Amino acid sequence: MPPYRLFRNFAYGAAGLPPCPMLREGQVFYADYAKPDGFCDEAWKAIYQYVFALAHGATKEPFYYGDWISKPGMAICSCNDGLRPVIFKLEATDEESQINYIPVQD
């Protein structure tokens, strides 16, 4: 049974469970290695490896040899909230990454 049918047929979530309170449809974030301000911690843990790969050159070939995503430079991912997941479209850009902190020097 597809997951969406399971959720519709059985009340696993608490009564009145609202959509994700952390993110809104249409929000745009830019990132490379660090979680953007205002981004959900749990969602970041679920997608950061794809963000990092796209930000560091995984743009010439589709992910997983083309049998997952057909378009190079893009990934479709979701957070790990099973009752109200947020789906993310990740895309590489031509923007240069900037370090917004002072690295530790040994």
PDB file of N, CA and C in Angstrom:
ATOM      1  N   MET A   1       0.851  -1.171   0.000  1.00  0.00           N
ATOM      2  CA  MET A   1       0.000   0.000   0.000  1.00  0.00           C
ATOM      3  C   MET A   1       0.903   1.242   0.000  1.00  0.00           C
ATOM      4  N   PRO A   2       0.683   2.187  -0.901  1.00  0.00           N
ATOM      5  CA  PRO A   2       1.501   3.404  -0.920  1.00  0.00           C
ATOM      6  C   PRO A   2       1.395   4.148   0.415  1.00  0.00           C
ATOM      7  N   PRO A   3       2.490   4.795   0.849  1.00  0.00           N
ATOM      8  CA  PRO A   3       2.492   5.476   2.150  1.00  0.00           C
ATOM      9  C   PRO A   3       1.369   6.500   2.310  1.00  0.00           C
ATOM     10  N   TYR A   4       1.025   7.241   1.258  1.00  0.00           N
ATOM     11  CA  TYR A   4      -0.019   8.261   1.409  1.00  0.00           C
ATOM     12  C   TYR A   4      -1.368   7.618   1.735  1.00  0.00           C
ATOM     13  N   ARG A   5      -1.605   6.411   1.258  1.00  0.00           N
ATOM     14  CA  ARG A   5      -2.864   5.727   1.558  1.00  0.00           C
ATOM     15  C   ARG A   5      -2.869   5.248   3.004  1.00  0.00           C
ATOM     16  N   LEU A   6      -1.721   4.798   3.499  1.00  0.00           N
ATOM     17  CA  LEU A   6      -1.640   4.397   4.904  1.00  0.00           C
ATOM     18  C   LEU A   6      -2.004   5.569   5.805  1.00  0.00           C
ATOM     19  N   PHE A   7      -1.440   6.719   5.496  1.00  0.00           N
ATOM     20  CA  PHE A   7      -1.690   7.895   6.330  1.00  0.00           C
ATOM     21  C   PHE A   7      -3.158   8.299   6.278  1.00  0.00           C
ATOM     22  N   ARG A   8      -3.762   8.237   5.121  1.00  0.00           N
ATOM     23  CA  ARG A   8      -5.165   8.628   4.991  1.00  0.00           C
ATOM     24  C   ARG A   8      -6.107   7.641   5.670  1.00  0.00           C
ATOM     25  N   ASN A   9      -5.757   6.369   5.666  1.00  0.00           N
ATOM     26  CA  ASN A   9      -6.651   5.352   6.193  1.00  0.00           C
ATOM     27  C   ASN A   9      -6.535   5.153   7.702  1.00  0.00           C
ATOM     28  N   PHE A  10      -5.443   5.527   8.302  1.00  0.00           N
ATOM     29  CA  PHE A  10      -5.232   5.306   9.725  1.00  0.00           C
ATOM     30  C   PHE A  10      -4.774   6.602  10.377  1.00  0.00           C
ATOM     31  N   ALA A  11      -5.255   6.864  11.559  1.00  0.00           N
ATOM     32  CA  ALA A  11      -4.911   8.104  12.273  1.00  0.00           C
ATOM     33  C   ALA A  11      -3.678   7.881  13.139  1.00  0.00           C
ATOM     34  N   TYR A  12      -2.503   7.907  12.518  1.00  0.00           N
ATOM     35  CA  TYR A  12      -1.270   7.737  13.273  1.00  0.00           C
ATOM     36  C   TYR A  12      -0.845   9.031  13.939  1.00  0.00           C
ATOM     37  N   GLY A  13      -1.118  10.142  13.308  1.00  0.00           N
ATOM     38  CA  GLY A  13      -0.716  11.423  13.867  1.00  0.00           C
ATOM     39  C   GLY A  13      -1.661  11.872  14.965  1.00  0.00           C
ATOM     40  N   ALA A  14      -1.168  12.750  15.800  1.00  0.00           N
ATOM     41  CA  ALA A  14      -1.995  13.312  16.877  1.00  0.00           C
ATOM     42  C   ALA A  14      -3.168  14.077  16.271  1.00  0.00           C
ATOM     43  N   ALA A  15      -4.249  14.148  16.992  1.00  0.00           N
ATOM     44  CA  ALA A  15      -5.431  14.882  16.522  1.00  0.00           C
ATOM     45  C   ALA A  15      -5.048  16.321  16.205  1.00  0.00           C
ATOM     46  N   GLY A  16      -5.421  16.775  15.039  1.00  0.00           N
ATOM     47  CA  GLY A  16      -5.145  18.153  14.639  1.00  0.00           C
ATOM     48  C   GLY A  16      -3.703  18.414  14.260  1.00  0.00           C
ATOM     49  N   LEU A  17      -2.940  17.370  13.945  1.00  0.00           N
ATOM     50  CA  LEU A  17      -1.538  17.553  13.572  1.00  0.00           C
ATOM     51  C   LEU A  17      -1.448  18.506  12.383  1.00  0.00           C
ATOM     52  N   PRO A  18      -0.798  19.652  12.552  1.00  0.00           N
ATOM     53  CA  PRO A  18      -0.719  20.625  11.462  1.00  0.00           C
ATOM     54  C   PRO A  18       0.411  20.273  10.497  1.00  0.00           C
ATOM     55  N   PRO A  19       0.477  20.953   9.359  1.00  0.00           N
ATOM     56  CA  PRO A  19       1.631  20.791   8.474  1.00  0.00           C
ATOM     57  C   PRO A  19       2.908  21.214   9.210  1.00  0.00           C
ATOM     58  N   CYS A  20       4.028  20.925   8.637  1.00  0.00           N
ATOM     59  CA  CYS A  20       5.319  21.289   9.229  1.00  0.00           C
ATOM     60  C   CYS A  20       5.329  22.769   9.641  1.00  0.00           C
ATOM     61  N   PRO A  21       5.665  23.052  10.904  1.00  0.00           N
ATOM     62  CA  PRO A  21       5.690  24.441  11.352  1.00  0.00           C
ATOM     63  C   PRO A  21       7.002  25.163  11.035  1.00  0.00           C
ATOM     64  N   MET A  22       7.991  24.435  10.523  1.00  0.00           N
ATOM     65  CA  MET A  22       9.322  25.018  10.317  1.00  0.00           C
ATOM     66  C   MET A  22       9.513  25.636   8.937  1.00  0.00           C
ATOM     67  N   LEU A  23       8.863  25.082   7.935  1.00  0.00           N
ATOM     68  CA  LEU A  23       9.104  25.525   6.560  1.00  0.00           C
ATOM     69  C   LEU A  23       7.787  25.817   5.858  1.00  0.00           C
ATOM     70  N   ARG A  24       7.839  26.694   4.862  1.00  0.00           N
ATOM     71  CA  ARG A  24       6.656  27.071   4.095  1.00  0.00           C
ATOM     72  C   ARG A  24       6.899  26.807   2.608  1.00  0.00           C
ATOM     73  N   GLU A  25       5.843  26.467   1.902  1.00  0.00           N
ATOM     74  CA  GLU A  25       5.941  26.234   0.464  1.00  0.00           C
ATOM     75  C   GLU A  25       6.485  27.475  -0.228  1.00  0.00           C
ATOM     76  N   GLY A  26       7.427  27.248  -1.131  1.00  0.00           N
ATOM     77  CA  GLY A  26       7.982  28.339  -1.923  1.00  0.00           C
ATOM     78  C   GLY A  26       9.212  29.004  -1.339  1.00  0.00           C
ATOM     79  N   GLN A  27       9.609  28.648  -0.120  1.00  0.00           N
ATOM     80  CA  GLN A  27      10.813  29.237   0.446  1.00  0.00           C
ATOM     81  C   GLN A  27      12.024  28.817  -0.378  1.00  0.00           C
ATOM     82  N   VAL A  28      13.014  29.700  -0.473  1.00  0.00           N
ATOM     83  CA  VAL A  28      14.253  29.417  -1.197  1.00  0.00           C
ATOM     84  C   VAL A  28      15.412  29.643  -0.236  1.00  0.00           C
ATOM     85  N   PHE A  29      16.306  28.665  -0.183  1.00  0.00           N
ATOM     86  CA  PHE A  29      17.506  28.751   0.641  1.00  0.00           C
ATOM     87  C   PHE A  29      18.712  28.486  -0.245  1.00  0.00           C
ATOM     88  N   TYR A  30      19.843  29.123   0.073  1.00  0.00           N
ATOM     89  CA  TYR A  30      21.099  28.858  -0.611  1.00  0.00           C
ATOM     90  C   TYR A  30      22.058  28.266   0.415  1.00  0.00           C
ATOM     91  N   ALA A  31      22.744  27.195   0.021  1.00  0.00           N
ATOM     92  CA  ALA A  31      23.650  26.531   0.954  1.00  0.00           C
ATOM     93  C   ALA A  31      24.733  25.792   0.185  1.00  0.00           C
ATOM     94  N   ASP A  32      25.815  25.477   0.882  1.00  0.00           N
ATOM     95  CA  ASP A  32      26.825  24.596   0.314  1.00  0.00           C
ATOM     96  C   ASP A  32      27.255  23.556   1.340  1.00  0.00           C
ATOM     97  N   TYR A  33      27.803  23.973   2.453  1.00  0.00           N
ATOM     98  CA  TYR A  33      28.261  23.030   3.466  1.00  0.00           C
ATOM     99  C   TYR A  33      27.566  23.236   4.811  1.00  0.00           C
ATOM    100  N   ALA A  34      26.985  24.397   5.021  1.00  0.00           N
ATOM    101  CA  ALA A  34      26.384  24.727   6.317  1.00  0.00           C
ATOM    102  C   ALA A  34      24.880  24.938   6.177  1.00  0.00           C
ATOM    103  N   LYS A  35      24.157  24.582   7.211  1.00  0.00           N
ATOM    104  CA  LYS A  35      22.702  24.753   7.235  1.00  0.00           C
ATOM    105  C   LYS A  35      22.356  26.230   7.160  1.00  0.00           C
ATOM    106  N   PRO A  36      21.487  26.611   6.237  1.00  0.00           N
ATOM    107  CA  PRO A  36      21.089  28.019   6.138  1.00  0.00           C
ATOM    108  C   PRO A  36      20.287  28.455   7.367  1.00  0.00           C
ATOM    109  N   ASP A  37      20.393  29.719   7.700  1.00  0.00           N
ATOM    110  CA  ASP A  37      19.602  30.270   8.794  1.00  0.00           C
ATOM    111  C   ASP A  37      18.123  30.040   8.522  1.00  0.00           C
ATOM    112  N   GLY A  38      17.401  29.622   9.543  1.00  0.00           N
ATOM    113  CA  GLY A  38      15.969  29.408   9.424  1.00  0.00           C
ATOM    114  C   GLY A  38      15.564  28.064   8.863  1.00  0.00           C
ATOM    115  N   PHE A  39      16.527  27.210   8.534  1.00  0.00           N
ATOM    116  CA  PHE A  39      16.237  25.899   7.969  1.00  0.00           C
ATOM    117  C   PHE A  39      16.103  24.886   9.101  1.00  0.00           C
ATOM    118  N   CYS A  40      15.181  23.975   8.985  1.00  0.00           N
ATOM    119  CA  CYS A  40      14.918  22.959  10.009  1.00  0.00           C
ATOM    120  C   CYS A  40      16.127  22.036  10.183  1.00  0.00           C
ATOM    121  N   ASP A  41      16.537  21.821  11.430  1.00  0.00           N
ATOM    122  CA  ASP A  41      17.690  20.953  11.713  1.00  0.00           C
ATOM    123  C   ASP A  41      17.485  19.530  11.203  1.00  0.00           C
ATOM    124  N   GLU A  42      16.313  18.970  11.453  1.00  0.00           N
ATOM    125  CA  GLU A  42      16.054  17.585  11.045  1.00  0.00           C
ATOM    126  C   GLU A  42      16.003  17.449   9.525  1.00  0.00           C
ATOM    127  N   ALA A  43      15.409  18.407   8.851  1.00  0.00           N
ATOM    128  CA  ALA A  43      15.372  18.364   7.388  1.00  0.00           C
ATOM    129  C   ALA A  43      16.790  18.481   6.831  1.00  0.00           C
ATOM    130  N   TRP A  44      17.616  19.341   7.434  1.00  0.00           N
ATOM    131  CA  TRP A  44      18.996  19.502   6.969  1.00  0.00           C
ATOM    132  C   TRP A  44      19.766  18.195   7.079  1.00  0.00           C
ATOM    133  N   LYS A  45      19.573  17.464   8.178  1.00  0.00           N
ATOM    134  CA  LYS A  45      20.265  16.184   8.346  1.00  0.00           C
ATOM    135  C   LYS A  45      19.874  15.196   7.250  1.00  0.00           C
ATOM    136  N   ALA A  46      18.663  15.314   6.737  1.00  0.00           N
ATOM    137  CA  ALA A  46      18.189  14.387   5.709  1.00  0.00           C
ATOM    138  C   ALA A  46      18.686  14.740   4.311  1.00  0.00           C
ATOM    139  N   ILE A  47      19.026  16.009   4.059  1.00  0.00           N
ATOM    140  CA  ILE A  47      19.361  16.407   2.688  1.00  0.00           C
ATOM    141  C   ILE A  47      20.765  16.967   2.510  1.00  0.00           C
ATOM    142  N   TYR A  48      21.512  17.198   3.596  1.00  0.00           N
ATOM    143  CA  TYR A  48      22.768  17.941   3.469  1.00  0.00           C
ATOM    144  C   TYR A  48      23.773  17.288   2.529  1.00  0.00           C
ATOM    145  N   GLN A  49      23.817  15.951   2.469  1.00  0.00           N
ATOM    146  CA  GLN A  49      24.818  15.310   1.611  1.00  0.00           C
ATOM    147  C   GLN A  49      24.556  15.603   0.130  1.00  0.00           C
ATOM    148  N   TYR A  50      23.294  15.750  -0.249  1.00  0.00           N
ATOM    149  CA  TYR A  50      22.966  16.102  -1.630  1.00  0.00           C
ATOM    150  C   TYR A  50      23.293  17.570  -1.906  1.00  0.00           C
ATOM    151  N   VAL A  51      23.008  18.429  -0.937  1.00  0.00           N
ATOM    152  CA  VAL A  51      23.351  19.852  -1.060  1.00  0.00           C
ATOM    153  C   VAL A  51      24.859  19.995  -1.246  1.00  0.00           C
ATOM    154  N   PHE A  52      25.629  19.330  -0.408  1.00  0.00           N
ATOM    155  CA  PHE A  52      27.086  19.402  -0.484  1.00  0.00           C
ATOM    156  C   PHE A  52      27.586  18.899  -1.829  1.00  0.00           C
ATOM    157  N   ALA A  53      27.059  17.772  -2.280  1.00  0.00           N
ATOM    158  CA  ALA A  53      27.501  17.214  -3.565  1.00  0.00           C
ATOM    159  C   ALA A  53      27.203  18.174  -4.711  1.00  0.00           C
ATOM    160  N   LEU A  54      26.009  18.734  -4.741  1.00  0.00           N
ATOM    161  CA  LEU A  54      25.658  19.677  -5.809  1.00  0.00           C
ATOM    162  C   LEU A  54      26.504  20.942  -5.740  1.00  0.00           C
ATOM    163  N   ALA A  55      26.800  21.406  -4.534  1.00  0.00           N
ATOM    164  CA  ALA A  55      27.588  22.626  -4.364  1.00  0.00           C
ATOM    165  C   ALA A  55      29.056  22.420  -4.711  1.00  0.00           C
ATOM    166  N   HIS A  56      29.478  21.172  -4.776  1.00  0.00           N
ATOM    167  CA  HIS A  56      30.895  20.895  -5.020  1.00  0.00           C
ATOM    168  C   HIS A  56      31.133  20.059  -6.265  1.00  0.00           C
ATOM    169  N   GLY A  57      30.301  20.271  -7.274  1.00  0.00           N
ATOM    170  CA  GLY A  57      30.614  19.729  -8.581  1.00  0.00           C
ATOM    171  C   GLY A  57      29.815  18.548  -9.092  1.00  0.00           C
ATOM    172  N   ALA A  58      28.894  18.023  -8.340  1.00  0.00           N
ATOM    173  CA  ALA A  58      28.100  16.892  -8.831  1.00  0.00           C
ATOM    174  C   ALA A  58      26.984  17.404  -9.731  1.00  0.00           C
ATOM    175  N   THR A  59      27.391  18.017 -10.829  1.00  0.00           N
ATOM    176  CA  THR A  59      26.409  18.655 -11.718  1.00  0.00           C
ATOM    177  C   THR A  59      26.489  18.164 -13.154  1.00  0.00           C
ATOM    178  N   LYS A  60      27.490  17.366 -13.470  1.00  0.00           N
ATOM    179  CA  LYS A  60      27.665  16.938 -14.856  1.00  0.00           C
ATOM    180  C   LYS A  60      26.832  15.711 -15.211  1.00  0.00           C
ATOM    181  N   GLU A  61      26.647  14.832 -14.255  1.00  0.00           N
ATOM    182  CA  GLU A  61      25.890  13.599 -14.466  1.00  0.00           C
ATOM    183  C   GLU A  61      24.726  13.562 -13.483  1.00  0.00           C
ATOM    184  N   PRO A  62      23.635  12.926 -13.833  1.00  0.00           N
ATOM    185  CA  PRO A  62      22.537  12.758 -12.870  1.00  0.00           C
ATOM    186  C   PRO A  62      22.973  11.888 -11.689  1.00  0.00           C
ATOM    187  N   PHE A  63      22.383  12.113 -10.521  1.00  0.00           N
ATOM    188  CA  PHE A  63      22.682  11.297  -9.349  1.00  0.00           C
ATOM    189  C   PHE A  63      22.376   9.824  -9.640  1.00  0.00           C
ATOM    190  N   TYR A  64      23.154   8.956  -9.035  1.00  0.00           N
ATOM    191  CA  TYR A  64      22.947   7.508  -9.106  1.00  0.00           C
ATOM    192  C   TYR A  64      22.829   6.997 -10.537  1.00  0.00           C
ATOM    193  N   TYR A  65      23.735   7.465 -11.377  1.00  0.00           N
ATOM    194  CA  TYR A  65      23.863   6.945 -12.736  1.00  0.00           C
ATOM    195  C   TYR A  65      22.611   7.125 -13.584  1.00  0.00           C
ATOM    196  N   GLY A  66      21.784   8.095 -13.239  1.00  0.00           N
ATOM    197  CA  GLY A  66      20.615   8.399 -14.042  1.00  0.00           C
ATOM    198  C   GLY A  66      19.405   7.522 -13.799  1.00  0.00           C
ATOM    199  N   ASP A  67      19.477   6.617 -12.832  1.00  0.00           N
ATOM    200  CA  ASP A  67      18.295   5.788 -12.583  1.00  0.00           C
ATOM    201  C   ASP A  67      17.471   6.289 -11.392  1.00  0.00           C
ATOM    202  N   TRP A  68      17.786   7.494 -10.914  1.00  0.00           N
ATOM    203  CA  TRP A  68      17.002   8.116  -9.846  1.00  0.00           C
ATOM    204  C   TRP A  68      16.486   9.468 -10.323  1.00  0.00           C
ATOM    205  N   ILE A  69      17.389  10.338 -10.712  1.00  0.00           N
ATOM    206  CA  ILE A  69      17.055  11.672 -11.227  1.00  0.00           C
ATOM    207  C   ILE A  69      17.596  11.747 -12.649  1.00  0.00           C
ATOM    208  N   SER A  70      16.796  12.246 -13.563  1.00  0.00           N
ATOM    209  CA  SER A  70      17.243  12.295 -14.962  1.00  0.00           C
ATOM    210  C   SER A  70      17.973  13.583 -15.319  1.00  0.00           C
ATOM    211  N   LYS A  71      17.836  14.633 -14.517  1.00  0.00           N
ATOM    212  CA  LYS A  71      18.420  15.933 -14.838  1.00  0.00           C
ATOM    213  C   LYS A  71      19.695  16.168 -14.020  1.00  0.00           C
ATOM    214  N   PRO A  72      20.823  16.412 -14.672  1.00  0.00           N
ATOM    215  CA  PRO A  72      22.049  16.728 -13.931  1.00  0.00           C
ATOM    216  C   PRO A  72      21.878  18.019 -13.128  1.00  0.00           C
ATOM    217  N   GLY A  73      22.579  18.095 -11.997  1.00  0.00           N
ATOM    218  CA  GLY A  73      22.557  19.309 -11.187  1.00  0.00           C
ATOM    219  C   GLY A  73      21.304  19.479 -10.352  1.00  0.00           C
ATOM    220  N   MET A  74      20.548  18.412 -10.151  1.00  0.00           N
ATOM    221  CA  MET A  74      19.305  18.509  -9.403  1.00  0.00           C
ATOM    222  C   MET A  74      19.082  17.239  -8.585  1.00  0.00           C
ATOM    223  N   ALA A  75      18.398  17.392  -7.454  1.00  0.00           N
ATOM    224  CA  ALA A  75      17.979  16.247  -6.636  1.00  0.00           C
ATOM    225  C   ALA A  75      16.625  16.577  -6.020  1.00  0.00           C
ATOM    226  N   ILE A  76      15.805  15.577  -5.834  1.00  0.00           N
ATOM    227  CA  ILE A  76      14.533  15.712  -5.131  1.00  0.00           C
ATOM    228  C   ILE A  76      14.669  14.892  -3.849  1.00  0.00           C
ATOM    229  N   CYS A  77      14.513  15.537  -2.714  1.00  0.00           N
ATOM    230  CA  CYS A  77      14.712  14.890  -1.415  1.00  0.00           C
ATOM    231  C   CYS A  77      13.571  15.271  -0.490  1.00  0.00           C
ATOM    232  N   SER A  78      13.493  14.601   0.645  1.00  0.00           N
ATOM    233  CA  SER A  78      12.481  14.953   1.638  1.00  0.00           C
ATOM    234  C   SER A  78      13.085  14.875   3.033  1.00  0.00           C
ATOM    235  N   CYS A  79      12.442  15.557   3.958  1.00  0.00           N
ATOM    236  CA  CYS A  79      12.850  15.438   5.349  1.00  0.00           C
ATOM    237  C   CYS A  79      12.373  14.083   5.866  1.00  0.00           C
ATOM    238  N   ASN A  80      12.707  13.779   7.096  1.00  0.00           N
ATOM    239  CA  ASN A  80      12.387  12.454   7.619  1.00  0.00           C
ATOM    240  C   ASN A  80      11.145  12.438   8.518  1.00  0.00           C
ATOM    241  N   ASP A  81      10.298  13.449   8.439  1.00  0.00           N
ATOM    242  CA  ASP A  81       9.045  13.454   9.200  1.00  0.00           C
ATOM    243  C   ASP A  81       8.035  12.610   8.432  1.00  0.00           C
ATOM    244  N   GLY A  82       7.770  11.423   8.909  1.00  0.00           N
ATOM    245  CA  GLY A  82       6.916  10.493   8.188  1.00  0.00           C
ATOM    246  C   GLY A  82       5.457  10.896   8.102  1.00  0.00           C
ATOM    247  N   LEU A  83       4.974  11.746   8.995  1.00  0.00           N
ATOM    248  CA  LEU A  83       3.570  12.137   8.979  1.00  0.00           C
ATOM    249  C   LEU A  83       3.313  13.434   8.222  1.00  0.00           C
ATOM    250  N   ARG A  84       4.319  14.268   8.108  1.00  0.00           N
ATOM    251  CA  ARG A  84       4.152  15.530   7.377  1.00  0.00           C
ATOM    252  C   ARG A  84       5.468  15.931   6.703  1.00  0.00           C
ATOM    253  N   PRO A  85       5.947  15.086   5.804  1.00  0.00           N
ATOM    254  CA  PRO A  85       7.242  15.360   5.170  1.00  0.00           C
ATOM    255  C   PRO A  85       7.198  16.589   4.272  1.00  0.00           C
ATOM    256  N   VAL A  86       8.329  17.244   4.201  1.00  0.00           N
ATOM    257  CA  VAL A  86       8.516  18.368   3.290  1.00  0.00           C
ATOM    258  C   VAL A  86       9.410  17.870   2.162  1.00  0.00           C
ATOM    259  N   ILE A  87       9.012  18.132   0.921  1.00  0.00           N
ATOM    260  CA  ILE A  87       9.770  17.702  -0.249  1.00  0.00           C
ATOM    261  C   ILE A  87      10.607  18.890  -0.734  1.00  0.00           C
ATOM    262  N   PHE A  88      11.857  18.626  -1.057  1.00  0.00           N
ATOM    263  CA  PHE A  88      12.781  19.676  -1.487  1.00  0.00           C
ATOM    264  C   PHE A  88      13.262  19.412  -2.902  1.00  0.00           C
ATOM    265  N   LYS A  89      13.281  20.440  -3.705  1.00  0.00           N
ATOM    266  CA  LYS A  89      13.924  20.399  -5.014  1.00  0.00           C
ATOM    267  C   LYS A  89      15.250  21.124  -4.850  1.00  0.00           C
ATOM    268  N   LEU A  90      16.337  20.378  -4.971  1.00  0.00           N
ATOM    269  CA  LEU A  90      17.680  20.941  -4.833  1.00  0.00           C
ATOM    270  C   LEU A  90      18.259  21.166  -6.210  1.00  0.00           C
ATOM    271  N   GLU A  91      18.812  22.348  -6.427  1.00  0.00           N
ATOM    272  CA  GLU A  91      19.403  22.668  -7.720  1.00  0.00           C
ATOM    273  C   GLU A  91      20.746  23.354  -7.530  1.00  0.00           C
ATOM    274  N   ALA A  92      21.720  22.950  -8.335  1.00  0.00           N
ATOM    275  CA  ALA A  92      23.004  23.639  -8.348  1.00  0.00           C
ATOM    276  C   ALA A  92      22.814  25.002  -9.003  1.00  0.00           C
ATOM    277  N   THR A  93      23.587  25.975  -8.557  1.00  0.00           N
ATOM    278  CA  THR A  93      23.542  27.315  -9.153  1.00  0.00           C
ATOM    279  C   THR A  93      24.947  27.707  -9.589  1.00  0.00           C
ATOM    280  N   ASP A  94      25.042  28.847 -10.228  1.00  0.00           N
ATOM    281  CA  ASP A  94      26.349  29.393 -10.613  1.00  0.00           C
ATOM    282  C   ASP A  94      26.896  30.331  -9.547  1.00  0.00           C
ATOM    283  N   GLU A  95      26.193  30.462  -8.427  1.00  0.00           N
ATOM    284  CA  GLU A  95      26.628  31.359  -7.356  1.00  0.00           C
ATOM    285  C   GLU A  95      27.882  30.803  -6.689  1.00  0.00           C
ATOM    286  N   GLU A  96      28.819  31.697  -6.372  1.00  0.00           N
ATOM    287  CA  GLU A  96      30.034  31.294  -5.676  1.00  0.00           C
ATOM    288  C   GLU A  96      29.743  31.104  -4.195  1.00  0.00           C
ATOM    289  N   SER A  97      30.261  30.054  -3.642  1.00  0.00           N
ATOM    290  CA  SER A  97      30.115  29.796  -2.219  1.00  0.00           C
ATOM    291  C   SER A  97      30.981  30.765  -1.431  1.00  0.00           C
ATOM    292  N   GLN A  98      30.460  31.245  -0.311  1.00  0.00           N
ATOM    293  CA  GLN A  98      31.217  32.160   0.545  1.00  0.00           C
ATOM    294  C   GLN A  98      31.229  31.625   1.963  1.00  0.00           C
ATOM    295  N   ILE A  99      32.393  31.643   2.571  1.00  0.00           N
ATOM    296  CA  ILE A  99      32.500  31.241   3.965  1.00  0.00           C
ATOM    297  C   ILE A  99      32.091  32.441   4.806  1.00  0.00           C
ATOM    298  N   ASN A 100      31.084  32.265   5.652  1.00  0.00           N
ATOM    299  CA  ASN A 100      30.601  33.384   6.456  1.00  0.00           C
ATOM    300  C   ASN A 100      31.004  33.248   7.922  1.00  0.00           C
ATOM    301  N   TYR A 101      32.165  32.649   8.149  1.00  0.00           N
ATOM    302  CA  TYR A 101      32.723  32.543   9.496  1.00  0.00           C
ATOM    303  C   TYR A 101      34.239  32.567   9.372  1.00  0.00           C
ATOM    304  N   ILE A 102      34.902  32.749  10.488  1.00  0.00           N
ATOM    305  CA  ILE A 102      36.375  32.763  10.500  1.00  0.00           C
ATOM    306  C   ILE A 102      36.854  31.347  10.824  1.00  0.00           C
ATOM    307  N   PRO A 103      37.540  30.691   9.868  1.00  0.00           N
ATOM    308  CA  PRO A 103      38.032  29.338  10.129  1.00  0.00           C
ATOM    309  C   PRO A 103      39.054  29.301  11.258  1.00  0.00           C
ATOM    310  N   VAL A 104      39.088  28.200  11.967  1.00  0.00           N
ATOM    311  CA  VAL A 104      40.060  28.027  13.038  1.00  0.00           C
ATOM    312  C   VAL A 104      41.423  27.799  12.392  1.00  0.00           C
ATOM    313  N   GLN A 105      42.405  28.515  12.867  1.00  0.00           N
ATOM    314  CA  GLN A 105      43.772  28.370  12.346  1.00  0.00           C
ATOM    315  C   GLN A 105      44.641  27.698  13.407  1.00  0.00           C
ATOM    316  N   ASP A 106      45.347  26.641  13.016  1.00  0.00           N
ATOM    317  CA  ASP A 106      46.265  25.979  13.952  1.00  0.00           C
ATOM    318  C   ASP A 106      47.625  26.600  13.888  1.00  0.00           C
TER     319      ASP A 106
END
